[in-house]
Amino acid sequence: MSNLAKSMIKVTLIITALFLLVGVLYYRSWQALPFVTGLALGEGSSIVKVLMLDQTVKKAVKQNTGLTANFFALQALWRLLISAGVLVLAALLSFIDLLGAALGVLSFNLATYFLRSKEKAQTSCEVNK
């Protein structure tokens, strides 16, 4: 696993922990259990998507350039289907909160945004020196 994948998983876990803290403070009872279950399911899908993305990049580097775009598109479709599957599962099962699952799935996108903005800030600091 690459360093970027490890840091992305750490950031998704931190974001999910923040969502968990807010959810537990909001519900303040055992009613938070469906929210926590949905959040765990969504976070699990985010970690799977990070691992898939890491493997996609490793395999794409080894392939010829003609197939790389198709391979990336297919992997992006698989990651989208994983997110959709988790959200549909949360919508159909009463013991999984849809909001928790959506926030868990969203942690992947938030981690990507955070790491990208952190990288840009570091790059601009180096340029200004």
Foldseek 3Di string as FASTA:
>chain_A
DDPVLVQLLVQLVVQLVVVLVVLCVVVVDCVSQLLVVLLVLLLVLLNVLSVLVVVLVVVLVVDDPVCNVVSVVVSVVVSVVSLVVSLVVQVVDPSHHNVSNVSSNCSNVVSVVVVVVVVVVVVVVVVVD
